[in-house]
Amino acid sequence: MKKKQLETLAVRAGQVRTHEGEHSDPIFLTSSYVFKNAEEAAARFSGDQPGNIYSRFTNPTVRTFEQRLAAMEGGEVCVATASGMSAILALCLGVLASGDHIVSSRSIFGTTTVLFNQYLAKLGIETTFVDLTDLDQWRAAIQPNTKLFFLETPSNPITHIADIAALSDIAKQHDCLLAVDNCFCTPCLQQPLALGADIIIHSATKYIDGQGRCIGGAVIGSEEIVGKLVYGFLRTAGPTLSAFHAWVFLSGLETLSLRMQRHCEHAQTVAEWLSEQNQVSRVYYPGLPSHPQHALATSQQSGYGGIVSFEVIGGQEKAYQVINATEFLSITANLGDSKTTITHPATTTHGRLSEEDKAASGITPGLIRIAVGLEAVDDILQDIAHGLT
């Protein structure tokens, strides 16, 4: 399957039919496996013989999902996890040790910031936060013990774009790993490994599922880093993706390319419409020529994504008015759903950040984030308009 195109990989990669000859991907809901004899059991546990051992770390349905997503991202190995946050935790505890240092973009999911500041710090792993787009800040933040660069691009929620290739060059010069959260773009719109990244993080909960049904995550990269270090942490600590959720995600991957095309089309229309509204002071969407990294997004992405954020005049009060006036848009912090969602980042996804951190990340009281879904785009615009007029 290595020479097949992404859409083919999304449907076919990783599938191994059982003796039943099923056409659809099967689901294996089992905690353990039966061995032919004691010798086979010993060989499996020692690693001398490949095969299933225990579903905490070996399950055929999860393995199919891992192989399919790895193929789509162009990686050697994928390790699936219980959530996007557990994917980040598995990466950090798999490749870092006490005394190591992370350089991270400031513009990341609020809970990731909390993980770095409150929990990794307890283990002696310190983090320095920098402006995502300022390469000089990345260089200046590097310390002798820096081991990991971490970023999201586009960023959450104001869609700033990182120059992945440039950051890869800086990371390699200082023997650091570059990890890119590819949740917003998915492999259908962006290929970070091809641009020089070492590791990709996914919250499969978002676009990979696409219908807001299940929680899951993934880490993709090399056999040496992900296949040994990250997998070793998962096997021992157990933040495992369930077989049922993996089975749902497999269905999501089959339609991912089609859905991402429509998300991009609708988001572009919404962003352009918002730019014309008098009550809106600023729109953040990489597909707009006014976006500060529009040219960069065009060069390293094949589409601009489904996330549109905008600031309304009147601060939090006006933002709440816009959100509360919607009739069918879902007021929820999730994204990547077929249903359009709307949220107020300053009091939800980034609510645990200090006011200083919010300001530094561009999270203002008047900021609203919309994950544009698959409904008729005219209906989406009409619903947003209720609170603006």
Protein backbone atom coordinates (compact mmCIF):
# COMPACT_ATOMS: atom_id res chain seq x y z
CA MET A 1 0.00 0.00 0.00
CA LYS A 2 3.01 2.34 0.22
CA LYS A 3 2.56 3.61 -3.34
CA LYS A 4 -1.18 4.24 -3.00
CA GLN A 5 -2.69 7.70 -2.65
CA LEU A 6 -4.02 9.03 0.64
CA GLU A 7 -7.70 8.41 -0.13
CA THR A 8 -6.94 4.76 -0.90
CA LEU A 9 -4.87 4.36 2.25
CA ALA A 10 -7.75 5.82 4.29
CA VAL A 11 -10.00 2.99 3.13
CA ARG A 12 -7.64 0.03 2.73
CA ALA A 13 -4.42 0.35 4.73
CA GLY A 14 -3.90 -1.95 7.69
CA GLN A 15 -6.83 -4.29 7.09
CA VAL A 16 -6.15 -7.99 7.58
CA ARG A 17 -9.19 -10.17 6.91
CA THR A 18 -9.89 -13.06 9.25
CA HIS A 19 -10.84 -16.57 8.19
CA GLU A 20 -14.45 -15.33 8.06
CA GLY A 21 -13.69 -13.28 4.95
CA GLU A 22 -15.36 -10.10 6.18
CA HIS A 23 -15.39 -7.06 3.86
CA SER A 24 -15.78 -4.47 6.64
CA ASP A 25 -13.19 -3.98 9.37
CA PRO A 26 -13.93 -6.38 12.25
CA ILE A 27 -13.97 -5.41 15.90
CA PHE A 28 -12.19 -7.49 18.52
CA LEU A 29 -13.77 -6.90 21.91
CA THR A 30 -11.55 -9.04 24.08
CA SER A 31 -9.29 -8.31 26.99
CA SER A 32 -6.96 -11.27 26.54
CA TYR A 33 -5.91 -13.96 24.07
CA VAL A 34 -5.49 -17.74 24.25
CA PHE A 35 -2.13 -19.29 23.42
CA LYS A 36 -1.61 -22.68 21.83
CA ASN A 37 0.70 -23.75 24.62
CA ALA A 38 2.89 -22.44 27.43
CA GLU A 39 5.87 -22.11 25.11
CA GLU A 40 3.97 -19.79 22.76
CA ALA A 41 2.81 -17.69 25.71
CA ALA A 42 6.39 -17.33 26.94
CA ALA A 43 7.62 -16.39 23.46
CA ARG A 44 4.94 -13.72 23.09
CA PHE A 45 5.63 -12.14 26.48
CA SER A 46 9.40 -12.13 25.93
CA GLY A 47 9.03 -10.51 22.53
CA ASP A 48 10.64 -13.39 20.69
CA GLN A 49 7.41 -14.05 18.79
CA PRO A 50 5.03 -11.38 17.47
CA GLY A 51 1.34 -11.60 18.23
CA ASN A 52 -1.42 -10.60 20.59
CA ILE A 53 -0.79 -10.71 24.32
CA TYR A 54 -3.24 -8.43 26.16
CA SER A 55 -5.51 -5.71 24.80
CA ARG A 56 -3.92 -3.00 26.89
CA PHE A 57 -1.17 -2.91 24.28
CA THR A 58 -2.05 -5.45 21.53
CA ASN A 59 -5.47 -5.52 19.87
CA PRO A 60 -6.17 -6.29 16.18
CA THR A 61 -8.75 -3.51 15.74
CA VAL A 62 -6.51 -0.91 17.36
CA ARG A 63 -3.57 -2.18 15.30
CA THR A 64 -5.52 -1.71 12.05
CA PHE A 65 -6.31 1.87 13.03
CA GLU A 66 -2.67 2.51 13.96
CA GLN A 67 -1.34 1.12 10.70
CA ARG A 68 -3.88 3.02 8.62
CA LEU A 69 -3.20 6.39 10.27
CA ALA A 70 0.57 5.83 10.12
CA ALA A 71 0.29 5.12 6.40
CA MET A 72 -1.76 8.28 5.83
CA GLU A 73 0.76 10.43 7.72
CA GLY A 74 3.78 8.80 6.11
CA GLY A 75 5.12 7.53 9.44
CA GLU A 76 6.72 4.23 10.35
CA VAL A 77 4.67 3.60 13.48
CA CYS A 78 1.53 4.86 15.19
CA VAL A 79 0.65 4.31 18.84
CA ALA A 80 -3.03 4.87 19.60
CA THR A 81 -4.04 6.23 23.01
CA ALA A 82 -7.15 6.84 25.08
CA SER A 83 -7.35 10.57 24.23
CA GLY A 84 -5.45 13.39 22.59
CA MET A 85 -4.13 14.50 25.97
CA SER A 86 -2.92 11.00 26.78
CA ALA A 87 -1.09 11.02 23.45
CA ILE A 88 0.79 14.14 24.53
CA LEU A 89 1.47 12.62 27.96
CA ALA A 90 2.71 9.37 26.40
CA LEU A 91 5.03 11.32 24.12
CA CYS A 92 6.49 13.42 26.92
CA LEU A 93 6.97 10.60 29.42
CA GLY A 94 8.22 8.29 26.70
CA VAL A 95 10.99 10.55 25.37
CA LEU A 96 11.78 12.90 28.28
CA ALA A 97 13.40 12.47 31.69
CA SER A 98 13.62 14.57 34.81
CA GLY A 99 15.84 17.55 34.13
CA ASP A 100 14.88 17.82 30.45
CA HIS A 101 13.45 20.97 28.92
CA ILE A 102 10.63 21.66 26.42
CA VAL A 103 10.25 24.67 24.16
CA SER A 104 6.57 25.00 23.34
CA SER A 105 4.42 27.35 21.37
CA ARG A 106 2.37 29.61 23.60
CA SER A 107 -0.61 29.12 21.27
CA ILE A 108 -1.68 25.61 22.24
CA PHE A 109 -4.73 24.00 23.79
CA GLY A 110 -5.20 25.31 27.32
CA THR A 111 -5.11 21.86 28.92
CA THR A 112 -1.78 21.13 27.25
CA THR A 113 -0.40 24.27 28.89
CA VAL A 114 -1.68 23.03 32.26
CA LEU A 115 -0.10 19.62 31.66
CA PHE A 116 3.27 21.22 30.98
CA ASN A 117 3.15 23.80 33.78
CA GLN A 118 1.55 21.83 36.62
CA TYR A 119 2.24 18.15 36.05
CA LEU A 120 5.41 17.74 33.99
CA ALA A 121 6.98 20.43 36.16
CA LYS A 122 6.41 18.16 39.19
CA LEU A 123 8.63 15.59 37.48
CA GLY A 124 11.41 18.09 36.88
CA ILE A 125 10.55 18.72 33.21
CA GLU A 126 10.44 22.46 32.60
CA THR A 127 8.81 24.31 29.71
CA THR A 128 9.52 27.66 28.07
CA PHE A 129 6.69 29.15 26.02
CA VAL A 130 7.37 31.21 22.91
CA ASP A 131 5.52 32.93 20.11
CA LEU A 132 4.62 30.28 17.53
CA THR A 133 5.68 32.38 14.55
CA ASP A 134 8.82 34.04 15.95
CA LEU A 135 11.79 31.85 15.01
CA ASP A 136 14.18 34.02 17.01
CA GLN A 137 12.21 33.30 20.18
CA TRP A 138 12.50 29.56 19.52
CA ARG A 139 16.26 29.88 19.11
CA ALA A 140 16.66 32.05 22.20
CA ALA A 141 14.64 29.63 24.38
CA ILE A 142 16.89 26.64 23.69
CA GLN A 143 18.89 25.42 26.68
CA PRO A 144 21.58 22.72 26.90
CA ASN A 145 18.92 20.33 28.26
CA THR A 146 16.24 21.13 25.65
CA LYS A 147 14.97 17.86 24.15
CA LEU A 148 11.58 18.69 22.60
CA PHE A 149 9.90 21.36 20.48
CA PHE A 150 6.10 21.19 20.74
CA LEU A 151 3.52 23.10 18.69
CA GLU A 152 0.10 23.14 17.07
CA THR A 153 -0.32 24.47 13.57
CA PRO A 154 -2.78 25.96 12.88
CA SER A 155 -2.93 27.02 16.50
CA ASN A 156 -5.95 26.78 18.78
CA PRO A 157 -8.00 28.96 18.57
CA ILE A 158 -6.59 31.84 16.49
CA THR A 159 -5.11 29.71 13.68
CA HIS A 160 -1.57 31.05 13.61
CA ILE A 161 0.68 29.02 11.32
CA ALA A 162 4.14 27.66 12.19
CA ASP A 163 6.88 27.28 9.61
CA ILE A 164 7.40 23.56 10.18
CA ALA A 165 10.43 23.24 7.88
CA ALA A 166 12.21 26.19 9.50
CA LEU A 167 11.54 24.89 13.02
CA SER A 168 12.73 21.45 11.95
CA ASP A 169 16.05 22.94 10.88
CA ILE A 170 16.45 24.71 14.23
CA ALA A 171 15.50 21.57 16.19
CA LYS A 172 17.94 19.38 14.28
CA GLN A 173 20.78 21.87 14.81
CA HIS A 174 20.29 21.45 18.57
CA ASP A 175 19.48 17.72 18.62
CA CYS A 176 15.85 18.30 19.62
CA LEU A 177 12.74 16.42 18.56
CA LEU A 178 10.01 18.39 16.79
CA ALA A 179 6.45 17.33 17.66
CA VAL A 180 3.53 18.79 15.70
CA ASP A 181 -0.11 18.51 16.77
CA ASN A 182 -1.84 17.94 13.40
CA CYS A 183 -5.36 17.81 14.82
CA PHE A 184 -6.75 20.82 12.92
CA CYS A 185 -5.47 19.78 9.48
CA THR A 186 -5.32 15.97 9.63
CA PRO A 187 -3.12 14.16 7.08
CA CYS A 188 -5.57 15.20 4.37
CA LEU A 189 -4.46 18.85 4.56
CA GLN A 190 -0.94 18.74 6.03
CA GLN A 191 1.96 16.26 6.21
CA PRO A 192 4.29 17.43 9.03
CA LEU A 193 6.71 14.49 8.73
CA ALA A 194 7.34 15.36 5.09
CA LEU A 195 8.13 18.93 6.21
CA GLY A 196 10.73 17.76 8.73
CA ALA A 197 8.79 17.02 11.92
CA ASP A 198 9.80 13.97 13.96
CA ILE A 199 6.49 13.26 15.67
CA ILE A 200 2.81 13.90 14.98
CA ILE A 201 0.14 14.13 17.66
CA HIS A 202 -3.57 13.63 17.02
CA SER A 203 -6.73 13.96 19.00
CA ALA A 204 -8.73 11.40 17.03
CA THR A 205 -11.74 12.71 18.94
CA LYS A 206 -11.91 15.58 16.46
CA TYR A 207 -11.92 15.29 12.66
CA ILE A 208 -10.77 11.66 12.51
CA ASP A 209 -14.00 10.59 14.20
CA GLY A 210 -15.89 13.47 12.62
CA GLN A 211 -19.18 12.94 14.39
CA GLY A 212 -18.38 13.57 18.04
CA ARG A 213 -18.84 9.95 19.16
CA CYS A 214 -15.60 8.72 20.71
CA ILE A 215 -12.46 9.82 22.55
CA GLY A 216 -9.00 8.84 21.35
CA GLY A 217 -5.53 9.98 20.38
CA ALA A 218 -2.44 8.93 18.48
CA VAL A 219 1.32 9.46 18.25
CA ILE A 220 3.00 8.88 14.87
CA GLY A 221 6.70 8.77 14.08
CA SER A 222 9.69 6.48 13.74
CA GLU A 223 10.14 2.94 15.01
CA GLU A 224 12.97 4.11 17.26
CA ILE A 225 11.08 6.94 18.96
CA VAL A 226 7.40 6.02 18.79
CA GLY A 227 7.67 2.26 18.30
CA LYS A 228 9.98 1.79 21.29
CA LEU A 229 9.83 4.76 23.67
CA VAL A 230 6.19 5.86 23.35
CA TYR A 231 4.90 2.31 22.96
CA GLY A 232 6.91 1.25 25.99
CA PHE A 233 5.18 3.88 28.10
CA LEU A 234 1.75 2.85 26.81
CA ARG A 235 2.39 -0.83 27.49
CA THR A 236 3.35 -0.09 31.08
CA ALA A 237 1.11 2.84 32.03
CA GLY A 238 -1.92 1.81 29.98
CA PRO A 239 -3.64 4.96 28.54
CA THR A 240 -5.07 2.62 25.93
CA LEU A 241 -7.47 3.21 23.05
CA SER A 242 -10.48 0.89 23.28
CA ALA A 243 -11.14 -1.51 20.42
CA PHE A 244 -14.63 -0.08 19.95
CA HIS A 245 -13.35 3.47 19.61
CA ALA A 246 -10.66 2.31 17.17
CA TRP A 247 -13.37 0.61 15.11
CA VAL A 248 -15.37 3.86 14.99
CA PHE A 249 -12.26 5.83 14.01
CA LEU A 250 -11.59 3.42 11.14
CA SER A 251 -14.94 4.39 9.66
CA GLY A 252 -14.08 8.05 10.21
CA LEU A 253 -10.83 7.72 8.27
CA GLU A 254 -12.69 6.36 5.24
CA THR A 255 -14.57 9.64 4.74
CA LEU A 256 -11.98 12.02 6.20
CA SER A 257 -10.74 13.44 2.90
CA LEU A 258 -14.25 14.21 1.64
CA ARG A 259 -15.27 15.80 4.93
CA MET A 260 -12.17 17.96 5.18
CA GLN A 261 -12.80 19.34 1.70
CA ARG A 262 -16.31 20.42 2.70
CA HIS A 263 -15.17 21.78 6.08
CA CYS A 264 -12.63 23.95 4.24
CA GLU A 265 -15.17 25.20 1.71
CA HIS A 266 -17.71 26.14 4.36
CA ALA A 267 -15.12 27.73 6.66
CA GLN A 268 -13.83 29.91 3.82
CA THR A 269 -17.35 31.17 3.15
CA VAL A 270 -17.99 31.84 6.84
CA ALA A 271 -14.66 33.67 7.27
CA GLU A 272 -15.27 35.90 4.25
CA TRP A 273 -18.80 36.70 5.44
CA LEU A 274 -17.62 37.53 8.97
CA SER A 275 -15.00 39.88 7.54
CA GLU A 276 -17.82 42.01 6.14
CA GLN A 277 -19.79 42.33 9.40
CA ASN A 278 -19.60 45.67 11.20
CA GLN A 279 -19.82 44.06 14.64
CA VAL A 280 -16.70 41.96 13.97
CA SER A 281 -13.33 43.62 14.59
CA ARG A 282 -11.08 40.77 13.40
CA VAL A 283 -11.34 37.36 11.75
CA TYR A 284 -8.72 34.62 12.12
CA TYR A 285 -8.68 32.15 9.22
CA PRO A 286 -5.62 31.10 7.18
CA GLY A 287 -7.62 31.15 3.97
CA LEU A 288 -8.06 34.92 4.15
CA PRO A 289 -5.37 37.02 2.40
CA SER A 290 -5.43 39.25 5.50
CA HIS A 291 -4.17 36.39 7.68
CA PRO A 292 -0.52 37.12 8.62
CA GLN A 293 0.63 33.63 7.58
CA HIS A 294 -1.67 33.17 4.59
CA ALA A 295 1.23 32.58 2.18
CA LEU A 296 2.87 30.08 4.53
CA ALA A 297 -0.40 28.18 5.00
CA THR A 298 -0.81 28.04 1.23
CA SER A 299 2.68 26.61 0.80
CA GLN A 300 2.56 23.86 3.47
CA GLN A 301 -1.15 22.96 3.58
CA SER A 302 -3.46 21.71 0.83
CA GLY A 303 -6.45 23.37 2.53
CA TYR A 304 -7.06 25.93 5.25
CA GLY A 305 -9.14 23.86 7.69
CA GLY A 306 -12.53 24.20 9.31
CA ILE A 307 -11.75 26.49 12.28
CA VAL A 308 -12.73 30.16 12.14
CA SER A 309 -12.23 32.48 15.11
CA PHE A 310 -13.33 36.10 15.32
CA GLU A 311 -13.47 38.99 17.75
CA VAL A 312 -16.67 40.92 18.29
CA ILE A 313 -16.89 44.53 19.42
CA GLY A 314 -18.24 44.62 22.95
CA GLY A 315 -16.10 42.02 24.70
CA GLN A 316 -17.43 39.04 26.61
CA GLU A 317 -20.96 40.41 26.93
CA LYS A 318 -21.34 40.71 23.16
CA ALA A 319 -19.61 37.35 22.58
CA TYR A 320 -22.09 35.66 24.92
CA GLN A 321 -24.94 37.41 23.10
CA VAL A 322 -23.79 36.04 19.75
CA ILE A 323 -23.33 32.53 21.11
CA ASN A 324 -26.61 32.45 23.02
CA ALA A 325 -28.63 33.76 20.07
CA THR A 326 -27.75 30.81 17.84
CA GLU A 327 -30.61 28.39 17.25
CA PHE A 328 -28.95 25.19 16.04
CA LEU A 329 -25.19 25.69 16.34
CA SER A 330 -23.95 23.49 19.18
CA ILE A 331 -22.56 25.43 22.14
CA THR A 332 -19.75 23.04 22.99
CA ALA A 333 -15.97 23.15 23.23
CA ASN A 334 -15.49 20.13 20.98
CA LEU A 335 -14.52 20.60 17.33
CA GLY A 336 -14.12 18.58 14.15
CA ASP A 337 -17.75 17.47 14.17
CA SER A 338 -20.15 17.29 11.24
CA LYS A 339 -22.29 19.61 13.37
CA THR A 340 -21.06 23.21 13.61
CA THR A 341 -19.90 24.09 17.13
CA ILE A 342 -19.39 27.47 18.75
CA THR A 343 -17.57 28.36 21.96
CA HIS A 344 -16.03 31.17 23.98
CA PRO A 345 -12.36 30.13 24.41
CA ALA A 346 -11.53 32.56 27.25
CA THR A 347 -14.02 30.84 29.57
CA THR A 348 -13.94 27.26 28.22
CA THR A 349 -10.99 25.69 26.37
CA HIS A 350 -8.51 28.23 27.75
CA GLY A 351 -10.39 29.13 30.92
CA ARG A 352 -7.74 27.67 33.25
CA LEU A 353 -5.03 29.96 31.91
CA SER A 354 -4.05 33.11 33.79
CA GLU A 355 -5.20 36.42 32.37
CA GLU A 356 -1.60 37.14 31.39
CA ASP A 357 -1.30 33.85 29.49
CA LYS A 358 -4.61 34.46 27.75
CA ALA A 359 -3.50 37.89 26.63
CA ALA A 360 -0.16 36.56 25.42
CA SER A 361 -1.97 33.90 23.37
CA GLY A 362 -4.46 36.34 21.88
CA ILE A 363 -7.41 34.93 23.82
CA THR A 364 -9.49 38.07 24.30
CA PRO A 365 -12.90 38.36 26.04
CA GLY A 366 -14.55 39.06 22.70
CA LEU A 367 -13.08 36.04 20.89
CA ILE A 368 -15.43 33.36 19.54
CA ARG A 369 -14.32 30.10 17.91
CA ILE A 370 -16.47 28.29 15.37
CA ALA A 371 -15.70 24.80 14.09
CA VAL A 372 -17.61 24.97 10.83
CA GLY A 373 -19.58 21.82 10.14
CA LEU A 374 -21.32 20.18 7.22
CA GLU A 375 -24.75 21.80 7.39
CA ALA A 376 -25.87 24.06 4.53
CA VAL A 377 -23.51 27.02 4.75
CA ASP A 378 -26.32 29.57 4.28
CA ASP A 379 -28.05 28.16 7.34
CA ILE A 380 -24.81 28.44 9.34
CA LEU A 381 -24.44 32.10 8.34
CA GLN A 382 -28.05 32.86 9.21
CA ASP A 383 -27.62 31.31 12.66
CA ILE A 384 -24.48 33.34 13.41
CA ALA A 385 -26.22 36.47 12.18
CA HIS A 386 -28.91 36.22 14.87
CA GLY A 387 -26.53 37.48 17.55
CA LEU A 388 -24.71 40.00 15.38
CA THR A 389 -27.76 41.94 14.21
